[in-house]
C-alpha atoms as a PDB file:
ATOM      1  CA  UNK A   1      17.370   7.594  -9.142  1.00  0.00           C
ATOM      2  CA  UNK A   2      17.146   4.237 -10.851  1.00  0.00           C
ATOM      3  CA  UNK A   3      15.216   1.350  -9.383  1.00  0.00           C
ATOM      4  CA  UNK A   4      18.540  -0.071  -8.206  1.00  0.00           C
ATOM      5  CA  UNK A   5      19.306   3.167  -6.354  1.00  0.00           C
ATOM      6  CA  UNK A   6      15.839   3.076  -4.743  1.00  0.00           C
ATOM      7  CA  UNK A   7      16.674  -0.437  -3.616  1.00  0.00           C
ATOM      8  CA  UNK A   8      19.912   0.660  -1.967  1.00  0.00           C
ATOM      9  CA  UNK A   9      18.226   3.627  -0.287  1.00  0.00           C
ATOM     10  CA  UNK A  10      15.559   1.361   1.145  1.00  0.00           C
ATOM     11  CA  UNK A  11      18.141  -1.203   2.248  1.00  0.00           C
ATOM     12  CA  UNK A  12      19.995   1.506   4.194  1.00  0.00           C
ATOM     13  CA  UNK A  13      17.166   3.550   5.665  1.00  0.00           C
ATOM     14  CA  UNK A  14      14.210   1.142   5.966  1.00  0.00           C
ATOM     15  CA  UNK A  15      15.639  -2.385   6.286  1.00  0.00           C
ATOM     16  CA  UNK A  16      12.400  -3.954   7.497  1.00  0.00           C
ATOM     17  CA  UNK A  17      10.404  -2.868   4.454  1.00  0.00           C
ATOM     18  CA  UNK A  18      13.363  -3.696   2.237  1.00  0.00           C
ATOM     19  CA  UNK A  19      13.345  -7.241   3.573  1.00  0.00           C
ATOM     20  CA  UNK A  20       9.588  -7.480   3.124  1.00  0.00           C
ATOM     21  CA  UNK A  21       9.941  -6.450  -0.528  1.00  0.00           C
ATOM     22  CA  UNK A  22      12.315  -9.358  -1.081  1.00  0.00           C
ATOM     23  CA  UNK A  23       9.529 -11.662   0.145  1.00  0.00           C
ATOM     24  CA  UNK A  24       7.013 -10.134  -2.289  1.00  0.00           C
ATOM     25  CA  UNK A  25       6.167 -11.648  -5.623  1.00  0.00           C
ATOM     26  CA  UNK A  26       8.556 -10.459  -8.368  1.00  0.00           C
ATOM     27  CA  UNK A  27       5.776  -8.626 -10.231  1.00  0.00           C
ATOM     28  CA  UNK A  28       5.085  -6.500  -7.146  1.00  0.00           C
ATOM     29  CA  UNK A  29       8.629  -5.555  -6.155  1.00  0.00           C
ATOM     30  CA  UNK A  30       9.212  -2.501  -8.360  1.00  0.00           C
ATOM     31  CA  UNK A  31       5.962  -0.928  -7.198  1.00  0.00           C
ATOM     32  CA  UNK A  32       6.710  -1.575  -3.540  1.00  0.00           C
ATOM     33  CA  UNK A  33      10.313  -0.362  -3.796  1.00  0.00           C
ATOM     34  CA  UNK A  34       9.308   2.928  -5.385  1.00  0.00           C
ATOM     35  CA  UNK A  35       6.364   3.380  -3.009  1.00  0.00           C
ATOM     36  CA  UNK A  36       8.582   2.931   0.034  1.00  0.00           C
ATOM     37  CA  UNK A  37      11.287   5.183  -1.442  1.00  0.00           C
ATOM     38  CA  UNK A  38       8.619   7.853  -1.921  1.00  0.00           C
ATOM     39  CA  UNK A  39       7.522   7.371   1.686  1.00  0.00           C
ATOM     40  CA  UNK A  40      11.068   7.986   2.906  1.00  0.00           C
ATOM     41  CA  UNK A  41      11.268  11.219   0.922  1.00  0.00           C
ATOM     42  CA  UNK A  42       7.946  12.663   2.071  1.00  0.00           C
ATOM     43  CA  UNK A  43       8.687  11.680   5.688  1.00  0.00           C
ATOM     44  CA  UNK A  44      11.933  13.662   5.499  1.00  0.00           C
ATOM     45  CA  UNK A  45      10.433  16.691   3.764  1.00  0.00           C
ATOM     46  CA  UNK A  46       9.007  18.463   6.868  1.00  0.00           C
ATOM     47  CA  UNK A  47      12.407  18.278   8.561  1.00  0.00           C
ATOM     48  CA  UNK A  48      14.391  19.861   5.749  1.00  0.00           C
ATOM     49  CA  UNK A  49      13.506  23.321   7.035  1.00  0.00           C
ATOM     50  CA  UNK A  50      13.041  24.751  10.517  1.00  0.00           C
ATOM     51  CA  UNK A  51      10.380  27.130   9.192  1.00  0.00           C
ATOM     52  CA  UNK A  52       6.894  25.550   9.194  1.00  0.00           C
ATOM     53  CA  UNK A  53       5.909  27.560   6.125  1.00  0.00           C
ATOM     54  CA  UNK A  54       8.881  26.340   4.121  1.00  0.00           C
ATOM     55  CA  UNK A  55       8.304  22.787   5.287  1.00  0.00           C
ATOM     56  CA  UNK A  56       4.703  23.033   4.035  1.00  0.00           C
ATOM     57  CA  UNK A  57       5.970  24.238   0.660  1.00  0.00           C
ATOM     58  CA  UNK A  58       8.250  21.199   0.415  1.00  0.00           C
ATOM     59  CA  UNK A  59       5.349  18.861   1.117  1.00  0.00           C
ATOM     60  CA  UNK A  60       3.098  20.705  -1.314  1.00  0.00           C
ATOM     61  CA  UNK A  61       5.699  20.199  -4.057  1.00  0.00           C
ATOM     62  CA  UNK A  62       5.311  16.440  -3.664  1.00  0.00           C
ATOM     63  CA  UNK A  63       1.528  16.678  -3.622  1.00  0.00           C
ATOM     64  CA  UNK A  64       1.504  18.752  -6.807  1.00  0.00           C
ATOM     65  CA  UNK A  65       3.834  16.387  -8.670  1.00  0.00           C
ATOM     66  CA  UNK A  66       1.794  13.328  -7.658  1.00  0.00           C
ATOM     67  CA  UNK A  67      -1.434  15.066  -8.682  1.00  0.00           C
ATOM     68  CA  UNK A  68       0.098  15.839 -12.082  1.00  0.00           C
ATOM     69  CA  UNK A  69       1.135  12.226 -12.497  1.00  0.00           C
ATOM     70  CA  UNK A  70      -2.412  11.173 -11.665  1.00  0.00           C
ATOM     71  CA  UNK A  71      -3.624  13.338 -14.560  1.00  0.00           C
ATOM     72  CA  UNK A  72      -1.228  11.572 -16.904  1.00  0.00           C
ATOM     73  CA  UNK A  73       1.671  14.046 -16.909  1.00  0.00           C
ATOM     74  CA  UNK A  74       5.067  12.365 -16.499  1.00  0.00           C
ATOM     75  CA  UNK A  75       7.233  13.994 -13.818  1.00  0.00           C
ATOM     76  CA  UNK A  76      10.390  15.944 -14.580  1.00  0.00           C
ATOM     77  CA  UNK A  77      13.505  13.799 -14.363  1.00  0.00           C
ATOM     78  CA  UNK A  78      13.775  13.031 -10.657  1.00  0.00           C
ATOM     79  CA  UNK A  79      15.538  10.557  -8.391  1.00  0.00           C
ATOM     80  CA  UNK A  80      12.329   9.082  -6.970  1.00  0.00           C
ATOM     81  CA  UNK A  81       9.478  10.269  -9.170  1.00  0.00           C
ATOM     82  CA  UNK A  82      10.945   8.910 -12.408  1.00  0.00           C
ATOM     83  CA  UNK A  83      11.133   5.262 -11.253  1.00  0.00           C
ATOM     84  CA  UNK A  84       7.818   5.771  -9.432  1.00  0.00           C
ATOM     85  CA  UNK A  85       6.210   6.809 -12.735  1.00  0.00           C
ATOM     86  CA  UNK A  86       7.729   3.791 -14.457  1.00  0.00           C
ATOM     87  CA  UNK A  87       6.220   1.460 -11.859  1.00  0.00           C
ATOM     88  CA  UNK A  88       2.889   3.177 -11.091  1.00  0.00           C
ATOM     89  CA  UNK A  89       2.045   5.390 -14.070  1.00  0.00           C
ATOM     90  CA  UNK A  90      -1.104   7.418 -13.450  1.00  0.00           C
ATOM     91  CA  UNK A  91      -1.711   5.323 -10.351  1.00  0.00           C
ATOM     92  CA  UNK A  92       0.907   7.497  -8.632  1.00  0.00           C
ATOM     93  CA  UNK A  93      -1.817  10.120  -8.294  1.00  0.00           C
ATOM     94  CA  UNK A  94      -3.423   8.012  -5.581  1.00  0.00           C
ATOM     95  CA  UNK A  95      -0.285   8.396  -3.443  1.00  0.00           C
ATOM     96  CA  UNK A  96      -0.768  12.102  -2.675  1.00  0.00           C
ATOM     97  CA  UNK A  97      -2.254  11.026   0.677  1.00  0.00           C
ATOM     98  CA  UNK A  98       1.273  10.176   1.842  1.00  0.00           C
ATOM     99  CA  UNK A  99       2.583  13.770   1.902  1.00  0.00           C
ATOM    100  CA  UNK A 100      -0.847  15.078   2.952  1.00  0.00           C
ATOM    101  CA  UNK A 101      -0.630  13.005   6.121  1.00  0.00           C
ATOM    102  CA  UNK A 102       2.690  14.630   7.033  1.00  0.00           C
ATOM    103  CA  UNK A 103       1.425  18.205   7.252  1.00  0.00           C
ATOM    104  CA  UNK A 104       1.266  18.057  11.031  1.00  0.00           C
ATOM    105  CA  UNK A 105       5.000  17.315  11.173  1.00  0.00           C
ATOM    106  CA  UNK A 106       5.735  20.789   9.813  1.00  0.00           C
ATOM    107  CA  UNK A 107       4.696  22.425  13.094  1.00  0.00           C
ATOM    108  CA  UNK A 108       6.969  20.250  15.280  1.00  0.00           C
ATOM    109  CA  UNK A 109       4.331  20.086  18.015  1.00  0.00           C
ATOM    110  CA  UNK A 110       3.510  17.216  20.416  1.00  0.00           C
ATOM    111  CA  UNK A 111       0.382  15.161  19.876  1.00  0.00           C
ATOM    112  CA  UNK A 112      -2.152  15.903  22.581  1.00  0.00           C
ATOM    113  CA  UNK A 113      -3.198  12.406  23.683  1.00  0.00           C
ATOM    114  CA  UNK A 114      -3.383   8.763  22.576  1.00  0.00           C
ATOM    115  CA  UNK A 115      -6.359   9.452  20.309  1.00  0.00           C
ATOM    116  CA  UNK A 116      -4.361  12.142  18.494  1.00  0.00           C
ATOM    117  CA  UNK A 117      -1.480   9.680  18.051  1.00  0.00           C
ATOM    118  CA  UNK A 118      -3.871   7.102  16.585  1.00  0.00           C
ATOM    119  CA  UNK A 119      -5.265   9.711  14.183  1.00  0.00           C
ATOM    120  CA  UNK A 120      -1.738  10.637  13.105  1.00  0.00           C
ATOM    121  CA  UNK A 121      -0.846   6.987  12.517  1.00  0.00           C
ATOM    122  CA  UNK A 122      -4.065   6.462  10.544  1.00  0.00           C
ATOM    123  CA  UNK A 123      -3.108   9.420   8.322  1.00  0.00           C
ATOM    124  CA  UNK A 124       0.478   8.283   7.721  1.00  0.00           C
ATOM    125  CA  UNK A 125       0.918   4.525   8.127  1.00  0.00           C
ATOM    126  CA  UNK A 126      -2.641   3.915   6.930  1.00  0.00           C
ATOM    127  CA  UNK A 127      -2.372   5.261   3.360  1.00  0.00           C
ATOM    128  CA  UNK A 128       1.056   3.687   2.933  1.00  0.00           C
ATOM    129  CA  UNK A 129      -0.039   0.161   3.833  1.00  0.00           C
ATOM    130  CA  UNK A 130      -3.283   0.487   1.904  1.00  0.00           C
ATOM    131  CA  UNK A 131      -1.387   1.561  -1.232  1.00  0.00           C
ATOM    132  CA  UNK A 132       1.009  -1.359  -0.833  1.00  0.00           C
ATOM    133  CA  UNK A 133      -1.847  -3.810  -0.280  1.00  0.00           C
ATOM    134  CA  UNK A 134      -3.788  -2.538  -3.319  1.00  0.00           C
ATOM    135  CA  UNK A 135      -0.645  -2.860  -5.415  1.00  0.00           C
ATOM    136  CA  UNK A 136      -0.452  -6.486  -4.296  1.00  0.00           C
ATOM    137  CA  UNK A 137      -3.999  -7.209  -5.389  1.00  0.00           C
ATOM    138  CA  UNK A 138      -5.985  -6.615  -2.197  1.00  0.00           C
ATOM    139  CA  UNK A 139      -9.624  -5.694  -2.994  1.00  0.00           C
ATOM    140  CA  UNK A 140     -11.378  -2.705  -1.455  1.00  0.00           C
ATOM    141  CA  UNK A 141     -13.589  -5.062   0.512  1.00  0.00           C
ATOM    142  CA  UNK A 142     -10.592  -6.146   2.594  1.00  0.00           C
ATOM    143  CA  UNK A 143      -9.292  -2.646   3.341  1.00  0.00           C
ATOM    144  CA  UNK A 144     -10.736  -2.709   6.865  1.00  0.00           C
ATOM    145  CA  UNK A 145      -8.321  -5.528   7.672  1.00  0.00           C
ATOM    146  CA  UNK A 146      -5.458  -3.519   6.157  1.00  0.00           C
ATOM    147  CA  UNK A 147      -6.471  -0.407   8.127  1.00  0.00           C
ATOM    148  CA  UNK A 148      -6.365  -2.332  11.409  1.00  0.00           C
ATOM    149  CA  UNK A 149      -2.975  -3.831  10.567  1.00  0.00           C
ATOM    150  CA  UNK A 150      -1.643  -0.408   9.603  1.00  0.00           C
ATOM    151  CA  UNK A 151      -2.859   1.112  12.867  1.00  0.00           C
ATOM    152  CA  UNK A 152      -1.318  -1.620  14.991  1.00  0.00           C
ATOM    153  CA  UNK A 153       1.998  -1.664  13.168  1.00  0.00           C
ATOM    154  CA  UNK A 154       2.093   2.129  12.933  1.00  0.00           C
ATOM    155  CA  UNK A 155       1.450   2.623  16.649  1.00  0.00           C
ATOM    156  CA  UNK A 156       4.188   0.121  17.469  1.00  0.00           C
ATOM    157  CA  UNK A 157       6.615   1.993  15.209  1.00  0.00           C
ATOM    158  CA  UNK A 158       5.608   5.319  16.794  1.00  0.00           C
ATOM    159  CA  UNK A 159       6.174   3.925  20.293  1.00  0.00           C
ATOM    160  CA  UNK A 160       9.555   2.539  19.235  1.00  0.00           C
ATOM    161  CA  UNK A 161      10.527   6.022  18.015  1.00  0.00           C
ATOM    162  CA  UNK A 162       9.076   7.800  21.059  1.00  0.00           C
ATOM    163  CA  UNK A 163      12.405   8.593  22.822  1.00  0.00           C
ATOM    164  CA  UNK A 164      13.547  10.526  19.727  1.00  0.00           C
ATOM    165  CA  UNK A 165      10.129  12.112  19.242  1.00  0.00           C
ATOM    166  CA  UNK A 166      10.047  13.333  22.849  1.00  0.00           C
ATOM    167  CA  UNK A 167      13.495  14.883  22.425  1.00  0.00           C
ATOM    168  CA  UNK A 168      12.220  16.730  19.321  1.00  0.00           C
ATOM    169  CA  UNK A 169       9.068  17.939  21.088  1.00  0.00           C
ATOM    170  CA  UNK A 170       6.888  15.801  18.808  1.00  0.00           C
ATOM    171  CA  UNK A 171       5.863  13.001  21.150  1.00  0.00           C
ATOM    172  CA  UNK A 172       3.306  13.556  23.918  1.00  0.00           C
ATOM    173  CA  UNK A 173       3.064  16.668  26.136  1.00  0.00           C
ATOM    174  CA  UNK A 174       4.155  14.681  29.200  1.00  0.00           C
ATOM    175  CA  UNK A 175       5.952  11.385  29.750  1.00  0.00           C
ATOM    176  CA  UNK A 176       2.811   9.661  31.008  1.00  0.00           C
ATOM    177  CA  UNK A 177       3.200   5.871  31.418  1.00  0.00           C
ATOM    178  CA  UNK A 178      -0.602   5.477  31.340  1.00  0.00           C
ATOM    179  CA  UNK A 179      -0.705   7.054  27.883  1.00  0.00           C
ATOM    180  CA  UNK A 180       1.997   4.694  26.657  1.00  0.00           C
ATOM    181  CA  UNK A 181       0.102   1.685  27.998  1.00  0.00           C
ATOM    182  CA  UNK A 182      -3.078   2.953  26.344  1.00  0.00           C
ATOM    183  CA  UNK A 183      -1.283   3.223  23.005  1.00  0.00           C
ATOM    184  CA  UNK A 184       0.140  -0.280  23.371  1.00  0.00           C
ATOM    185  CA  UNK A 185      -3.352  -1.588  24.120  1.00  0.00           C
ATOM    186  CA  UNK A 186      -4.768   0.194  21.070  1.00  0.00           C
ATOM    187  CA  UNK A 187      -2.040  -1.322  18.897  1.00  0.00           C
ATOM    188  CA  UNK A 188      -2.594  -4.825  20.226  1.00  0.00           C
ATOM    189  CA  UNK A 189      -6.359  -4.567  19.713  1.00  0.00           C
ATOM    190  CA  UNK A 190      -5.882  -3.375  16.122  1.00  0.00           C
ATOM    191  CA  UNK A 191      -3.458  -6.203  15.336  1.00  0.00           C
ATOM    192  CA  UNK A 192      -5.857  -8.756  16.823  1.00  0.00           C
ATOM    193  CA  UNK A 193      -8.705  -7.431  14.654  1.00  0.00           C
ATOM    194  CA  UNK A 194      -6.490  -7.641  11.584  1.00  0.00           C
ATOM    195  CA  UNK A 195      -5.510 -11.215  12.452  1.00  0.00           C
ATOM    196  CA  UNK A 196      -9.179 -12.206  12.702  1.00  0.00           C
ATOM    197  CA  UNK A 197      -9.718 -10.994   9.155  1.00  0.00           C
ATOM    198  CA  UNK A 198      -6.630 -12.642   7.702  1.00  0.00           C
ATOM    199  CA  UNK A 199      -8.632 -15.028   5.499  1.00  0.00           C
ATOM    200  CA  UNK A 200      -9.830 -12.022   3.515  1.00  0.00           C
ATOM    201  CA  UNK A 201      -6.238 -11.229   2.502  1.00  0.00           C
ATOM    202  CA  UNK A 202      -4.623 -12.981  -0.450  1.00  0.00           C
ATOM    203  CA  UNK A 203      -1.214 -14.505   0.416  1.00  0.00           C
ATOM    204  CA  UNK A 204       0.242 -12.323  -2.336  1.00  0.00           C
ATOM    205  CA  UNK A 205      -0.190  -9.284  -0.045  1.00  0.00           C
ATOM    206  CA  UNK A 206       1.763 -10.694   2.915  1.00  0.00           C
ATOM    207  CA  UNK A 207       4.773  -8.466   2.243  1.00  0.00           C
ATOM    208  CA  UNK A 208       2.563  -5.374   2.176  1.00  0.00           C
ATOM    209  CA  UNK A 209       1.064  -6.128   5.598  1.00  0.00           C
ATOM    210  CA  UNK A 210       4.291  -7.143   7.331  1.00  0.00           C
ATOM    211  CA  UNK A 211       4.452  -5.129  10.606  1.00  0.00           C
ATOM    212  CA  UNK A 212       8.183  -5.452  11.251  1.00  0.00           C
ATOM    213  CA  UNK A 213      10.153  -7.511  13.774  1.00  0.00           C
ATOM    214  CA  UNK A 214       9.545  -7.764  17.500  1.00  0.00           C
ATOM    215  CA  UNK A 215       6.248  -5.879  17.392  1.00  0.00           C
ATOM    216  CA  UNK A 216       4.173  -8.095  19.667  1.00  0.00           C
ATOM    217  CA  UNK A 217       6.951  -8.355  22.236  1.00  0.00           C
ATOM    218  CA  UNK A 218       7.487  -4.594  22.339  1.00  0.00           C
ATOM    219  CA  UNK A 219       3.782  -3.939  22.868  1.00  0.00           C
ATOM    220  CA  UNK A 220       3.646  -6.549  25.630  1.00  0.00           C
ATOM    221  CA  UNK A 221       6.662  -5.002  27.354  1.00  0.00           C
ATOM    222  CA  UNK A 222       5.114  -1.538  27.263  1.00  0.00           C
ATOM    223  CA  UNK A 223       1.721  -2.821  28.415  1.00  0.00           C
ATOM    224  CA  UNK A 224       3.307  -4.614  31.389  1.00  0.00           C
ATOM    225  CA  UNK A 225       5.441  -1.627  32.346  1.00  0.00           C
ATOM    226  CA  UNK A 226       8.738  -3.452  31.887  1.00  0.00           C
ATOM    227  CA  UNK A 227       9.741  -0.996  29.153  1.00  0.00           C
ATOM    228  CA  UNK A 228       9.348   2.772  29.421  1.00  0.00           C
ATOM    229  CA  UNK A 229       9.112   4.005  25.805  1.00  0.00           C
ATOM    230  CA  UNK A 230       9.666   7.595  26.906  1.00  0.00           C
ATOM    231  CA  UNK A 231      13.134   6.631  28.056  1.00  0.00           C
ATOM    232  CA  UNK A 232      14.418   3.887  25.777  1.00  0.00           C
ATOM    233  CA  UNK A 233      12.986   1.115  23.630  1.00  0.00           C
ATOM    234  CA  UNK A 234      14.791  -2.186  22.929  1.00  0.00           C
ATOM    235  CA  UNK A 235      16.783  -2.267  19.726  1.00  0.00           C
ATOM    236  CA  UNK A 236      16.330  -4.873  17.015  1.00  0.00           C
ATOM    237  CA  UNK A 237      19.316  -7.121  16.507  1.00  0.00           C
ATOM    238  CA  UNK A 238      20.348  -8.325  13.052  1.00  0.00           C
ATOM    239  CA  UNK A 239      19.423 -11.851  14.117  1.00  0.00           C
ATOM    240  CA  UNK A 240      15.926 -10.794  15.186  1.00  0.00           C
ATOM    241  CA  UNK A 241      15.428  -8.955  11.908  1.00  0.00           C
ATOM    242  CA  UNK A 242      16.620 -11.894   9.818  1.00  0.00           C
ATOM    243  CA  UNK A 243      14.528 -14.386  11.798  1.00  0.00           C
ATOM    244  CA  UNK A 244      11.385 -12.295  11.439  1.00  0.00           C
ATOM    245  CA  UNK A 245      11.863 -11.828   7.704  1.00  0.00           C
ATOM    246  CA  UNK A 246      12.674 -15.515   7.248  1.00  0.00           C
ATOM    247  CA  UNK A 247       9.391 -16.349   8.938  1.00  0.00           C
ATOM    248  CA  UNK A 248       7.565 -14.036   6.561  1.00  0.00           C
ATOM    249  CA  UNK A 249       9.287 -15.518   3.531  1.00  0.00           C
ATOM    250  CA  UNK A 250       8.798 -19.135   4.555  1.00  0.00           C
ATOM    251  CA  UNK A 251       5.260 -18.985   5.934  1.00  0.00           C
ATOM    252  CA  UNK A 252       3.718 -15.840   4.471  1.00  0.00           C
ATOM    253  CA  UNK A 253       2.401 -15.072   7.931  1.00  0.00           C
ATOM    254  CA  UNK A 254       2.023 -11.308   8.437  1.00  0.00           C
ATOM    255  CA  UNK A 255      -0.401 -11.385  11.373  1.00  0.00           C
ATOM    256  CA  UNK A 256       0.419 -11.630  15.045  1.00  0.00           C
END
C-alpha cells in the first residue's frame, strides 16, 4: 500500500482522523497517516477469525513485525508496514502496544464494569494518541495530558459504538443506564483534566489530540439520560463533521 492508498483507506474508514491529519503540519502527515492505517489493521485483526487462538496469532504477527522493525529490520513488502517503515523507521517498534492492547478482543467477551471499560480504553486509545502526540513533538512531560485526552475521547468513542458492541457480546454484561452514566462522567472528567493542561501541549500536536466531532454533546446527553447508548447513539452528519474539523483547522483547539 502506498501512502496515497493509506490516505484513501483512512478517508473511507476513519474520516475523523483523516480530517485531523489534514489539519496537521505537512511534516507530520505521513507519520500520522501510516499510524492510523496501522491502527485500523490491528483493530480488525481479532475479528478476522472466529477462533480466539487464530485471532491471537493474527495479532502476534503484527507484534512480531513491529518488534523486528524496532530492531532495524525492514518489513517484507506489505500494504501497511512498508509505508509505515518509510515514515517511522525503527520508531515503528514503539507501536507494538497497539496490537498488544487488542488481545482482549480475541475472546469476544463483555467488559465487566465501567472500570474495565476504562482500562480497555487506556490500553487501546491511549497508546495510539500518545504515539501520535510524540510524533508531533509532544515531550514525555506532557504525556499525562495526552493520557487524559485519550481516555476521554476513547470512552466517548466506545459509548458511541456501544449498540454494536452489545449486539456482538462485547459491551457490558447488562444494559445498565447507571453504568453508561458513570462512563460518561469518567470521560467528561478526563477531558476536563486534559483541557486544564492544554498549555503544556504545543499547537503542533492539535491534530493528534483531536477527539472527534460531537463528543461533549454526546457525553452530556448520556449523562442526562436523554440518550440511551445501549439502544442507539446519535449519528454524526457531514455538516457536523466538517464544522468540527474546520474549527480544529482554524483555531487549533483540540480541548473541550
